[in-house]
Amino acid sequence: MLQVELINNTDQTPEEALEYAYQKLHSELSKELLDIVKSCSPDFFENLVIDLLITMGYGGSRREAGQAMGKSGDGGIDGIINEDKLGLDVIYLQAKRWENTVPVKEIRDFTGALASKKAKKGIFITTSSFSKSAYTFIEQVEYKIILIDGERLADLMIEHNVGLSAVSTYHVKIIDSDYFEEN
């Protein structure tokens, strides 16, 4: 269980103390989650990416929505997912469990893989980060490529509860002044 030190500051409201504690828990959870994801097998990571995108609303059911390719010689495509529940368009995926910064060469290769599939949309997800030139490159090509680095991946997993379970929930309430207005 994560331990959180609250600042005993009389200038801090209870809401501010809760927000501080929440942000600290989120930050520590994000780091821990990313470490665990980095230790998983490549196949597991590819399936995790599909699960995350389905949870985010892409595709339909797990069976219909997308699939991890999970094999070497995949032509630079690690998975595919339907953009919507009807499958009107497909998004191609590249998932890399890396420690080092992903260089622009990898993004160029992914763009080539998209071209070979006559695709226009792709998502490249890594457990590390992308070079500045990678972001510059995707702005210059006609393909719609979304880059998701490790920090954003962990945030999305937390936001959509992928690989997580809730321990406690707190509802902070305020007075509804409209309720007490007498006409």
N, C-alpha and C. Protein backbone atom coordinates (compact mmCIF):
# COMPACT_ATOMS: atom_id res chain seq x y z
N MET A 1 0.85 -1.18 0.00
CA MET A 1 0.00 0.00 0.00
C MET A 1 0.89 1.24 0.00
N LEU A 2 0.56 2.22 -0.79
CA LEU A 2 1.33 3.46 -0.85
C LEU A 2 1.10 4.28 0.41
N GLN A 3 2.16 4.84 0.94
CA GLN A 3 2.07 5.73 2.09
C GLN A 3 2.13 7.17 1.59
N VAL A 4 1.29 8.03 2.13
CA VAL A 4 1.26 9.43 1.74
C VAL A 4 1.46 10.28 2.97
N GLU A 5 2.42 11.21 2.88
CA GLU A 5 2.63 12.16 3.97
C GLU A 5 1.83 13.41 3.66
N LEU A 6 0.97 13.76 4.57
CA LEU A 6 0.21 15.00 4.41
C LEU A 6 0.98 16.14 5.04
N ILE A 7 0.96 17.26 4.39
CA ILE A 7 1.61 18.44 4.95
C ILE A 7 0.69 19.00 6.02
N ASN A 8 1.21 19.13 7.22
CA ASN A 8 0.43 19.70 8.31
C ASN A 8 0.58 21.21 8.24
N ASN A 9 -0.19 21.81 7.40
CA ASN A 9 -0.10 23.23 7.14
C ASN A 9 -1.45 23.85 7.46
N THR A 10 -1.46 24.77 8.39
CA THR A 10 -2.73 25.37 8.80
C THR A 10 -3.32 26.26 7.71
N ASP A 11 -2.50 26.63 6.73
CA ASP A 11 -3.01 27.45 5.62
C ASP A 11 -3.70 26.59 4.57
N GLN A 12 -3.59 25.28 4.70
CA GLN A 12 -4.15 24.37 3.71
C GLN A 12 -5.55 23.94 4.13
N THR A 13 -6.51 24.07 3.19
CA THR A 13 -7.87 23.62 3.48
C THR A 13 -7.90 22.10 3.41
N PRO A 14 -8.92 21.47 3.99
CA PRO A 14 -9.03 20.01 3.87
C PRO A 14 -9.09 19.56 2.40
N GLU A 15 -9.76 20.34 1.55
CA GLU A 15 -9.83 20.00 0.13
C GLU A 15 -8.46 20.05 -0.51
N GLU A 16 -7.66 21.05 -0.13
CA GLU A 16 -6.30 21.15 -0.68
C GLU A 16 -5.44 19.98 -0.20
N ALA A 17 -5.60 19.58 1.07
CA ALA A 17 -4.86 18.44 1.60
C ALA A 17 -5.24 17.17 0.86
N LEU A 18 -6.54 16.98 0.60
CA LEU A 18 -6.99 15.81 -0.16
C LEU A 18 -6.43 15.83 -1.58
N GLU A 19 -6.45 16.99 -2.23
CA GLU A 19 -5.93 17.12 -3.59
C GLU A 19 -4.44 16.79 -3.62
N TYR A 20 -3.70 17.31 -2.64
CA TYR A 20 -2.27 17.02 -2.57
C TYR A 20 -2.04 15.52 -2.42
N ALA A 21 -2.77 14.90 -1.50
CA ALA A 21 -2.63 13.46 -1.26
C ALA A 21 -3.01 12.67 -2.52
N TYR A 22 -4.08 13.08 -3.18
CA TYR A 22 -4.52 12.40 -4.41
C TYR A 22 -3.43 12.49 -5.49
N GLN A 23 -2.87 13.69 -5.68
CA GLN A 23 -1.85 13.87 -6.70
C GLN A 23 -0.61 13.03 -6.39
N LYS A 24 -0.24 12.96 -5.13
CA LYS A 24 0.92 12.17 -4.72
C LYS A 24 0.65 10.68 -4.95
N LEU A 25 -0.52 10.21 -4.58
CA LEU A 25 -0.89 8.81 -4.83
C LEU A 25 -0.89 8.50 -6.32
N HIS A 26 -1.45 9.40 -7.11
CA HIS A 26 -1.52 9.23 -8.56
C HIS A 26 -0.12 9.14 -9.15
N SER A 27 0.77 10.01 -8.73
CA SER A 27 2.13 10.03 -9.24
C SER A 27 2.86 8.74 -8.90
N GLU A 28 2.75 8.29 -7.66
CA GLU A 28 3.42 7.06 -7.24
C GLU A 28 2.81 5.85 -7.94
N LEU A 29 1.49 5.83 -8.09
CA LEU A 29 0.82 4.73 -8.79
C LEU A 29 1.26 4.69 -10.24
N SER A 30 1.36 5.84 -10.87
CA SER A 30 1.77 5.92 -12.27
C SER A 30 3.17 5.32 -12.46
N LYS A 31 4.10 5.68 -11.59
CA LYS A 31 5.46 5.15 -11.69
C LYS A 31 5.48 3.64 -11.46
N GLU A 32 4.76 3.18 -10.44
CA GLU A 32 4.71 1.76 -10.13
C GLU A 32 4.06 0.97 -11.28
N LEU A 33 2.99 1.50 -11.83
CA LEU A 33 2.28 0.85 -12.93
C LEU A 33 3.18 0.72 -14.15
N LEU A 34 3.90 1.78 -14.48
CA LEU A 34 4.79 1.76 -15.64
C LEU A 34 5.92 0.75 -15.44
N ASP A 35 6.45 0.65 -14.23
CA ASP A 35 7.48 -0.35 -13.95
C ASP A 35 6.95 -1.76 -14.18
N ILE A 36 5.72 -2.02 -13.74
CA ILE A 36 5.13 -3.34 -13.93
C ILE A 36 4.91 -3.62 -15.41
N VAL A 37 4.40 -2.64 -16.15
CA VAL A 37 4.15 -2.81 -17.59
C VAL A 37 5.46 -3.11 -18.31
N LYS A 38 6.54 -2.43 -17.92
CA LYS A 38 7.83 -2.66 -18.56
C LYS A 38 8.35 -4.08 -18.32
N SER A 39 7.93 -4.70 -17.22
CA SER A 39 8.41 -6.05 -16.90
C SER A 39 7.58 -7.14 -17.57
N CYS A 40 6.47 -6.78 -18.19
CA CYS A 40 5.61 -7.76 -18.85
C CYS A 40 6.20 -8.20 -20.19
N SER A 41 5.74 -9.32 -20.68
CA SER A 41 6.20 -9.83 -21.98
C SER A 41 5.68 -8.93 -23.11
N PRO A 42 6.33 -8.97 -24.27
CA PRO A 42 5.84 -8.20 -25.41
C PRO A 42 4.40 -8.57 -25.80
N ASP A 43 4.07 -9.86 -25.77
CA ASP A 43 2.71 -10.30 -26.11
C ASP A 43 1.69 -9.72 -25.13
N PHE A 44 2.02 -9.77 -23.85
CA PHE A 44 1.12 -9.22 -22.84
C PHE A 44 0.93 -7.73 -23.07
N PHE A 45 2.02 -7.02 -23.35
CA PHE A 45 1.95 -5.57 -23.58
C PHE A 45 1.06 -5.25 -24.77
N GLU A 46 1.18 -5.99 -25.85
CA GLU A 46 0.34 -5.76 -27.03
C GLU A 46 -1.14 -5.96 -26.69
N ASN A 47 -1.44 -6.99 -25.91
CA ASN A 47 -2.83 -7.23 -25.50
C ASN A 47 -3.31 -6.16 -24.52
N LEU A 48 -2.42 -5.69 -23.66
CA LEU A 48 -2.77 -4.60 -22.74
C LEU A 48 -3.19 -3.36 -23.53
N VAL A 49 -2.44 -3.04 -24.58
CA VAL A 49 -2.75 -1.89 -25.43
C VAL A 49 -4.14 -2.04 -26.04
N ILE A 50 -4.45 -3.23 -26.55
CA ILE A 50 -5.78 -3.48 -27.13
C ILE A 50 -6.85 -3.31 -26.05
N ASP A 51 -6.62 -3.89 -24.86
CA ASP A 51 -7.58 -3.76 -23.76
C ASP A 51 -7.81 -2.30 -23.39
N LEU A 52 -6.75 -1.53 -23.33
CA LEU A 52 -6.87 -0.11 -22.99
C LEU A 52 -7.72 0.62 -24.02
N LEU A 53 -7.44 0.41 -25.29
CA LEU A 53 -8.18 1.11 -26.34
C LEU A 53 -9.65 0.71 -26.36
N ILE A 54 -9.94 -0.56 -26.12
CA ILE A 54 -11.34 -1.01 -26.05
C ILE A 54 -12.03 -0.34 -24.87
N THR A 55 -11.35 -0.27 -23.72
CA THR A 55 -11.90 0.39 -22.54
C THR A 55 -12.14 1.87 -22.81
N MET A 56 -11.32 2.47 -23.67
CA MET A 56 -11.47 3.88 -24.03
C MET A 56 -12.62 4.11 -25.01
N GLY A 57 -13.22 3.04 -25.53
CA GLY A 57 -14.38 3.19 -26.40
C GLY A 57 -14.16 2.83 -27.85
N TYR A 58 -12.99 2.34 -28.19
CA TYR A 58 -12.77 1.92 -29.57
C TYR A 58 -13.38 0.55 -29.79
N GLY A 59 -13.80 0.29 -31.01
CA GLY A 59 -14.31 -1.01 -31.37
C GLY A 59 -15.58 -1.40 -30.63
N GLY A 60 -15.81 -2.67 -30.53
CA GLY A 60 -16.99 -3.20 -29.84
C GLY A 60 -16.56 -4.12 -28.72
N SER A 61 -16.91 -5.39 -28.81
CA SER A 61 -16.47 -6.35 -27.80
C SER A 61 -15.00 -6.67 -28.04
N ARG A 62 -14.37 -7.31 -27.08
CA ARG A 62 -12.95 -7.65 -27.18
C ARG A 62 -12.69 -8.52 -28.41
N ARG A 63 -13.59 -9.45 -28.70
CA ARG A 63 -13.41 -10.35 -29.84
C ARG A 63 -13.52 -9.61 -31.17
N GLU A 64 -14.46 -8.67 -31.26
CA GLU A 64 -14.71 -7.98 -32.53
C GLU A 64 -13.85 -6.75 -32.73
N ALA A 65 -13.43 -6.11 -31.64
CA ALA A 65 -12.86 -4.78 -31.72
C ALA A 65 -11.44 -4.73 -32.23
N GLY A 66 -10.61 -5.63 -31.78
CA GLY A 66 -9.22 -5.54 -32.17
C GLY A 66 -8.46 -6.79 -31.85
N GLN A 67 -7.23 -6.82 -32.36
CA GLN A 67 -6.40 -7.98 -32.08
C GLN A 67 -4.95 -7.57 -32.09
N ALA A 68 -4.18 -8.25 -31.25
CA ALA A 68 -2.74 -8.10 -31.27
C ALA A 68 -2.20 -9.08 -32.29
N MET A 69 -1.24 -8.65 -33.06
CA MET A 69 -0.67 -9.52 -34.07
C MET A 69 0.26 -10.54 -33.41
N GLY A 70 1.10 -10.06 -32.46
CA GLY A 70 1.89 -10.93 -31.61
C GLY A 70 2.84 -11.89 -32.31
N LYS A 71 3.46 -11.45 -33.38
CA LYS A 71 4.44 -12.34 -34.01
C LYS A 71 5.54 -11.51 -34.66
N SER A 72 6.70 -12.12 -34.78
CA SER A 72 7.78 -11.43 -35.47
C SER A 72 7.43 -11.42 -36.96
N GLY A 73 7.97 -10.46 -37.66
CA GLY A 73 7.65 -10.34 -39.07
C GLY A 73 6.24 -9.83 -39.30
N ASP A 74 5.76 -9.02 -38.34
CA ASP A 74 4.39 -8.50 -38.44
C ASP A 74 4.30 -7.30 -39.36
N GLY A 75 5.40 -6.97 -40.02
CA GLY A 75 5.38 -5.86 -40.97
C GLY A 75 5.31 -4.51 -40.29
N GLY A 76 5.75 -4.43 -39.04
CA GLY A 76 5.74 -3.16 -38.33
C GLY A 76 4.41 -2.82 -37.71
N ILE A 77 3.48 -3.75 -37.70
CA ILE A 77 2.15 -3.55 -37.10
C ILE A 77 2.00 -4.57 -35.97
N ASP A 78 1.77 -4.09 -34.75
CA ASP A 78 1.62 -4.99 -33.61
C ASP A 78 0.16 -5.33 -33.33
N GLY A 79 -0.76 -4.52 -33.84
CA GLY A 79 -2.16 -4.79 -33.60
C GLY A 79 -3.03 -3.90 -34.46
N ILE A 80 -4.31 -4.24 -34.48
CA ILE A 80 -5.30 -3.42 -35.17
C ILE A 80 -6.52 -3.31 -34.26
N ILE A 81 -7.22 -2.20 -34.41
CA ILE A 81 -8.44 -2.00 -33.62
C ILE A 81 -9.42 -1.21 -34.47
N ASN A 82 -10.68 -1.55 -34.34
CA ASN A 82 -11.72 -0.79 -35.05
C ASN A 82 -11.84 0.58 -34.40
N GLU A 83 -12.01 1.59 -35.23
CA GLU A 83 -12.15 2.95 -34.71
C GLU A 83 -13.49 3.13 -34.00
N ASP A 84 -14.50 2.40 -34.47
CA ASP A 84 -15.83 2.52 -33.87
C ASP A 84 -16.47 1.14 -33.78
N LYS A 85 -17.63 1.08 -33.18
CA LYS A 85 -18.31 -0.21 -32.96
C LYS A 85 -18.76 -0.87 -34.26
N LEU A 86 -18.93 -0.09 -35.31
CA LEU A 86 -19.35 -0.64 -36.59
C LEU A 86 -18.17 -1.10 -37.45
N GLY A 87 -16.98 -0.71 -37.07
CA GLY A 87 -15.80 -1.11 -37.83
C GLY A 87 -15.66 -0.37 -39.14
N LEU A 88 -16.10 0.90 -39.16
CA LEU A 88 -16.02 1.68 -40.40
C LEU A 88 -14.59 2.00 -40.79
N ASP A 89 -13.70 2.07 -39.83
CA ASP A 89 -12.29 2.32 -40.12
C ASP A 89 -11.45 1.54 -39.12
N VAL A 90 -10.22 1.26 -39.51
CA VAL A 90 -9.31 0.49 -38.68
C VAL A 90 -8.11 1.37 -38.32
N ILE A 91 -7.65 1.23 -37.09
CA ILE A 91 -6.46 1.94 -36.64
C ILE A 91 -5.38 0.89 -36.40
N TYR A 92 -4.20 1.15 -36.94
CA TYR A 92 -3.08 0.23 -36.78
C TYR A 92 -2.24 0.66 -35.58
N LEU A 93 -1.68 -0.34 -34.88
CA LEU A 93 -0.98 -0.08 -33.63
C LEU A 93 0.46 -0.57 -33.68
N GLN A 94 1.31 0.18 -33.02
CA GLN A 94 2.68 -0.25 -32.76
C GLN A 94 2.89 -0.08 -31.26
N ALA A 95 3.36 -1.11 -30.59
CA ALA A 95 3.55 -1.08 -29.14
C ALA A 95 4.98 -1.50 -28.82
N LYS A 96 5.73 -0.60 -28.19
CA LYS A 96 7.14 -0.86 -27.88
C LYS A 96 7.40 -0.69 -26.39
N ARG A 97 7.86 -1.77 -25.74
CA ARG A 97 8.30 -1.69 -24.36
C ARG A 97 9.78 -1.33 -24.39
N TRP A 98 10.06 -0.06 -24.25
CA TRP A 98 11.44 0.42 -24.35
C TRP A 98 11.82 1.20 -23.11
N GLU A 99 13.13 1.26 -22.87
CA GLU A 99 13.69 2.11 -21.81
C GLU A 99 14.19 3.42 -22.42
N ASN A 100 14.81 3.31 -23.59
CA ASN A 100 15.39 4.48 -24.24
C ASN A 100 14.36 5.24 -25.06
N THR A 101 14.67 6.47 -25.38
CA THR A 101 13.81 7.31 -26.20
C THR A 101 13.61 6.69 -27.58
N VAL A 102 12.38 6.68 -28.05
CA VAL A 102 12.07 6.14 -29.37
C VAL A 102 12.53 7.16 -30.41
N PRO A 103 13.44 6.77 -31.31
CA PRO A 103 13.93 7.71 -32.32
C PRO A 103 12.95 7.87 -33.47
N VAL A 104 13.13 8.92 -34.23
CA VAL A 104 12.25 9.21 -35.36
C VAL A 104 12.26 8.08 -36.38
N LYS A 105 13.36 7.33 -36.49
CA LYS A 105 13.44 6.21 -37.43
C LYS A 105 12.31 5.22 -37.21
N GLU A 106 11.98 4.94 -35.96
CA GLU A 106 10.91 3.99 -35.64
C GLU A 106 9.55 4.52 -36.13
N ILE A 107 9.36 5.82 -36.03
CA ILE A 107 8.10 6.44 -36.48
C ILE A 107 8.04 6.41 -38.00
N ARG A 108 9.17 6.64 -38.64
CA ARG A 108 9.22 6.54 -40.10
C ARG A 108 8.89 5.13 -40.56
N ASP A 109 9.47 4.14 -39.87
CA ASP A 109 9.19 2.74 -40.22
C ASP A 109 7.70 2.42 -40.04
N PHE A 110 7.11 2.92 -38.96
CA PHE A 110 5.69 2.71 -38.71
C PHE A 110 4.85 3.36 -39.81
N THR A 111 5.26 4.54 -40.24
CA THR A 111 4.56 5.23 -41.33
C THR A 111 4.64 4.39 -42.61
N GLY A 112 5.79 3.79 -42.86
CA GLY A 112 5.93 2.89 -44.01
C GLY A 112 5.03 1.67 -43.90
N ALA A 113 4.90 1.14 -42.68
CA ALA A 113 4.00 0.00 -42.47
C ALA A 113 2.55 0.42 -42.73
N LEU A 114 2.18 1.63 -42.29
CA LEU A 114 0.82 2.14 -42.57
C LEU A 114 0.61 2.24 -44.08
N ALA A 115 1.60 2.76 -44.78
CA ALA A 115 1.49 2.90 -46.24
C ALA A 115 1.30 1.54 -46.90
N SER A 116 2.01 0.52 -46.40
CA SER A 116 1.89 -0.81 -47.01
C SER A 116 0.50 -1.42 -46.80
N LYS A 117 -0.22 -0.95 -45.79
CA LYS A 117 -1.58 -1.43 -45.52
C LYS A 117 -2.64 -0.49 -46.12
N LYS A 118 -2.17 0.57 -46.81
CA LYS A 118 -3.06 1.61 -47.35
C LYS A 118 -3.92 2.22 -46.24
N ALA A 119 -3.28 2.37 -45.07
CA ALA A 119 -3.96 2.93 -43.89
C ALA A 119 -3.57 4.39 -43.72
N LYS A 120 -4.39 5.13 -43.05
CA LYS A 120 -4.12 6.55 -42.81
C LYS A 120 -4.01 6.89 -41.32
N LYS A 121 -4.32 5.91 -40.43
CA LYS A 121 -4.35 6.19 -39.00
C LYS A 121 -3.55 5.16 -38.23
N GLY A 122 -2.79 5.67 -37.24
CA GLY A 122 -2.02 4.75 -36.42
C GLY A 122 -1.78 5.33 -35.04
N ILE A 123 -1.55 4.43 -34.10
CA ILE A 123 -1.19 4.82 -32.74
C ILE A 123 0.09 4.09 -32.40
N PHE A 124 1.09 4.84 -31.95
CA PHE A 124 2.37 4.28 -31.55
C PHE A 124 2.49 4.49 -30.05
N ILE A 125 2.55 3.39 -29.30
CA ILE A 125 2.59 3.46 -27.85
C ILE A 125 3.91 2.88 -27.36
N THR A 126 4.54 3.58 -26.43
CA THR A 126 5.79 3.10 -25.84
C THR A 126 5.76 3.27 -24.33
N THR A 127 6.61 2.51 -23.66
CA THR A 127 6.77 2.66 -22.22
C THR A 127 7.81 3.72 -21.89
N SER A 128 8.49 4.23 -22.90
CA SER A 128 9.52 5.25 -22.68
C SER A 128 9.01 6.61 -23.14
N SER A 129 9.79 7.27 -23.99
CA SER A 129 9.40 8.59 -24.50
C SER A 129 9.77 8.66 -25.98
N PHE A 130 9.36 9.73 -26.63
CA PHE A 130 9.66 9.93 -28.04
C PHE A 130 10.62 11.11 -28.19
N SER A 131 11.46 11.03 -29.21
CA SER A 131 12.36 12.14 -29.49
C SER A 131 11.55 13.33 -30.00
N LYS A 132 12.12 14.50 -29.85
CA LYS A 132 11.46 15.71 -30.36
C LYS A 132 11.27 15.60 -31.87
N SER A 133 12.23 15.00 -32.56
CA SER A 133 12.12 14.86 -34.01
C SER A 133 10.97 13.93 -34.40
N ALA A 134 10.61 13.00 -33.52
CA ALA A 134 9.46 12.12 -33.79
C ALA A 134 8.17 12.94 -33.82
N TYR A 135 8.02 13.85 -32.86
CA TYR A 135 6.83 14.70 -32.83
C TYR A 135 6.80 15.64 -34.04
N THR A 136 7.95 16.15 -34.41
CA THR A 136 8.03 17.03 -35.59
C THR A 136 7.65 16.25 -36.84
N PHE A 137 8.13 15.02 -36.95
CA PHE A 137 7.85 14.19 -38.12
C PHE A 137 6.35 13.95 -38.30
N ILE A 138 5.65 13.58 -37.22
CA ILE A 138 4.22 13.25 -37.39
C ILE A 138 3.38 14.47 -37.77
N GLU A 139 3.90 15.66 -37.46
CA GLU A 139 3.18 16.88 -37.88
C GLU A 139 3.33 17.14 -39.37
N GLN A 140 4.34 16.54 -39.98
CA GLN A 140 4.65 16.81 -41.38
C GLN A 140 4.10 15.78 -42.36
N VAL A 141 3.61 14.66 -41.85
CA VAL A 141 3.14 13.61 -42.75
C VAL A 141 1.62 13.68 -42.88
N GLU A 142 1.10 13.07 -43.95
CA GLU A 142 -0.34 13.09 -44.19
C GLU A 142 -1.10 12.09 -43.33
N TYR A 143 -0.37 11.18 -42.70
CA TYR A 143 -0.99 10.18 -41.83
C TYR A 143 -1.35 10.80 -40.48
N LYS A 144 -2.41 10.29 -39.90
CA LYS A 144 -2.79 10.70 -38.55
C LYS A 144 -2.18 9.68 -37.60
N ILE A 145 -1.09 10.08 -36.93
CA ILE A 145 -0.40 9.19 -36.01
C ILE A 145 -0.41 9.83 -34.62
N ILE A 146 -0.87 9.07 -33.66
CA ILE A 146 -0.89 9.52 -32.27
C ILE A 146 0.26 8.83 -31.55
N LEU A 147 1.07 9.61 -30.83
CA LEU A 147 2.18 9.08 -30.05
C LEU A 147 1.78 9.09 -28.58
N ILE A 148 1.86 7.94 -27.94
CA ILE A 148 1.54 7.83 -26.51
C ILE A 148 2.79 7.32 -25.80
N ASP A 149 3.38 8.21 -24.98
CA ASP A 149 4.58 7.83 -24.24
C ASP A 149 4.20 7.12 -22.93
N GLY A 150 5.20 6.65 -22.20
CA GLY A 150 4.96 5.89 -20.99
C GLY A 150 4.16 6.63 -19.95
N GLU A 151 4.44 7.90 -19.77
CA GLU A 151 3.71 8.70 -18.78
C GLU A 151 2.23 8.79 -19.14
N ARG A 152 1.95 9.06 -20.40
CA ARG A 152 0.55 9.16 -20.84
C ARG A 152 -0.13 7.79 -20.81
N LEU A 153 0.61 6.74 -21.15
CA LEU A 153 0.08 5.39 -21.09
C LEU A 153 -0.39 5.07 -19.67
N ALA A 154 0.46 5.35 -18.68
CA ALA A 154 0.10 5.09 -17.28
C ALA A 154 -1.11 5.92 -16.88
N ASP A 155 -1.14 7.20 -17.28
CA ASP A 155 -2.29 8.06 -16.96
C ASP A 155 -3.58 7.52 -17.57
N LEU A 156 -3.51 7.05 -18.82
CA LEU A 156 -4.70 6.48 -19.47
C LEU A 156 -5.15 5.19 -18.79
N MET A 157 -4.19 4.37 -18.37
CA MET A 157 -4.54 3.14 -17.66
C MET A 157 -5.22 3.46 -16.33
N ILE A 158 -4.73 4.48 -15.65
CA ILE A 158 -5.33 4.89 -14.38
C ILE A 158 -6.73 5.46 -14.62
N GLU A 159 -6.84 6.35 -15.60
CA GLU A 159 -8.13 6.98 -15.91
C GLU A 159 -9.20 5.96 -16.29
N HIS A 160 -8.80 4.91 -17.00
CA HIS A 160 -9.76 3.92 -17.50
C HIS A 160 -9.73 2.60 -16.72
N ASN A 161 -9.03 2.60 -15.59
CA ASN A 161 -8.98 1.44 -14.68
C ASN A 161 -8.54 0.15 -15.35
N VAL A 162 -7.50 0.22 -16.15
CA VAL A 162 -6.96 -0.98 -16.79
C VAL A 162 -5.83 -1.51 -15.91
N GLY A 163 -6.01 -2.73 -15.41
CA GLY A 163 -5.02 -3.34 -14.55
C GLY A 163 -5.05 -2.81 -13.12
N LEU A 164 -6.13 -2.15 -12.76
CA LEU A 164 -6.25 -1.54 -11.44
C LEU A 164 -7.57 -1.91 -10.80
N SER A 165 -7.62 -1.80 -9.49
CA SER A 165 -8.89 -1.91 -8.78
C SER A 165 -8.92 -0.83 -7.71
N ALA A 166 -10.10 -0.32 -7.45
CA ALA A 166 -10.27 0.76 -6.48
C ALA A 166 -10.18 0.21 -5.06
N VAL A 167 -9.49 0.94 -4.19
CA VAL A 167 -9.37 0.57 -2.79
C VAL A 167 -10.38 1.37 -1.97
N SER A 168 -10.44 2.68 -2.24
CA SER A 168 -11.35 3.57 -1.51
C SER A 168 -11.84 4.66 -2.44
N THR A 169 -13.02 5.14 -2.16
CA THR A 169 -13.59 6.26 -2.89
C THR A 169 -14.09 7.29 -1.88
N TYR A 170 -13.75 8.53 -2.12
CA TYR A 170 -14.19 9.61 -1.23
C TYR A 170 -14.98 10.61 -2.05
N HIS A 171 -16.12 10.99 -1.55
CA HIS A 171 -16.94 12.01 -2.19
C HIS A 171 -16.87 13.25 -1.32
N VAL A 172 -16.34 14.32 -1.87
CA VAL A 172 -16.29 15.59 -1.16
C VAL A 172 -17.54 16.36 -1.56
N LYS A 173 -18.32 16.74 -0.58
CA LYS A 173 -19.61 17.38 -0.86
C LYS A 173 -19.62 18.82 -0.38
N ILE A 174 -20.43 19.61 -1.07
CA ILE A 174 -20.66 21.00 -0.67
C ILE A 174 -22.17 21.23 -0.60
N ILE A 175 -22.54 22.31 0.05
CA ILE A 175 -23.95 22.67 0.16
C ILE A 175 -24.47 23.10 -1.21
N ASP A 176 -25.63 22.59 -1.58
CA ASP A 176 -26.30 23.00 -2.81
C ASP A 176 -27.21 24.17 -2.45
N SER A 177 -26.70 25.38 -2.63
CA SER A 177 -27.44 26.57 -2.21
C SER A 177 -28.73 26.75 -2.99
N ASP A 178 -28.80 26.25 -4.22
CA ASP A 178 -30.03 26.33 -5.00
C ASP A 178 -31.17 25.56 -4.33
N TYR A 179 -30.84 24.47 -3.69
CA TYR A 179 -31.85 23.67 -3.02
C TYR A 179 -32.54 24.46 -1.89
N PHE A 180 -31.78 25.29 -1.22
CA PHE A 180 -32.29 26.00 -0.05
C PHE A 180 -32.92 27.34 -0.37
N GLU A 181 -32.92 27.73 -1.65
CA GLU A 181 -33.58 29.00 -2.01
C GLU A 181 -35.09 28.83 -1.94
N GLU A 182 -35.71 29.71 -1.21
CA GLU A 182 -37.16 29.70 -1.11
C GLU A 182 -37.73 30.73 -2.07
N ASN A 183 -38.73 30.33 -2.80
CA ASN A 183 -39.36 31.26 -3.76
C ASN A 183 -40.56 31.91 -3.20
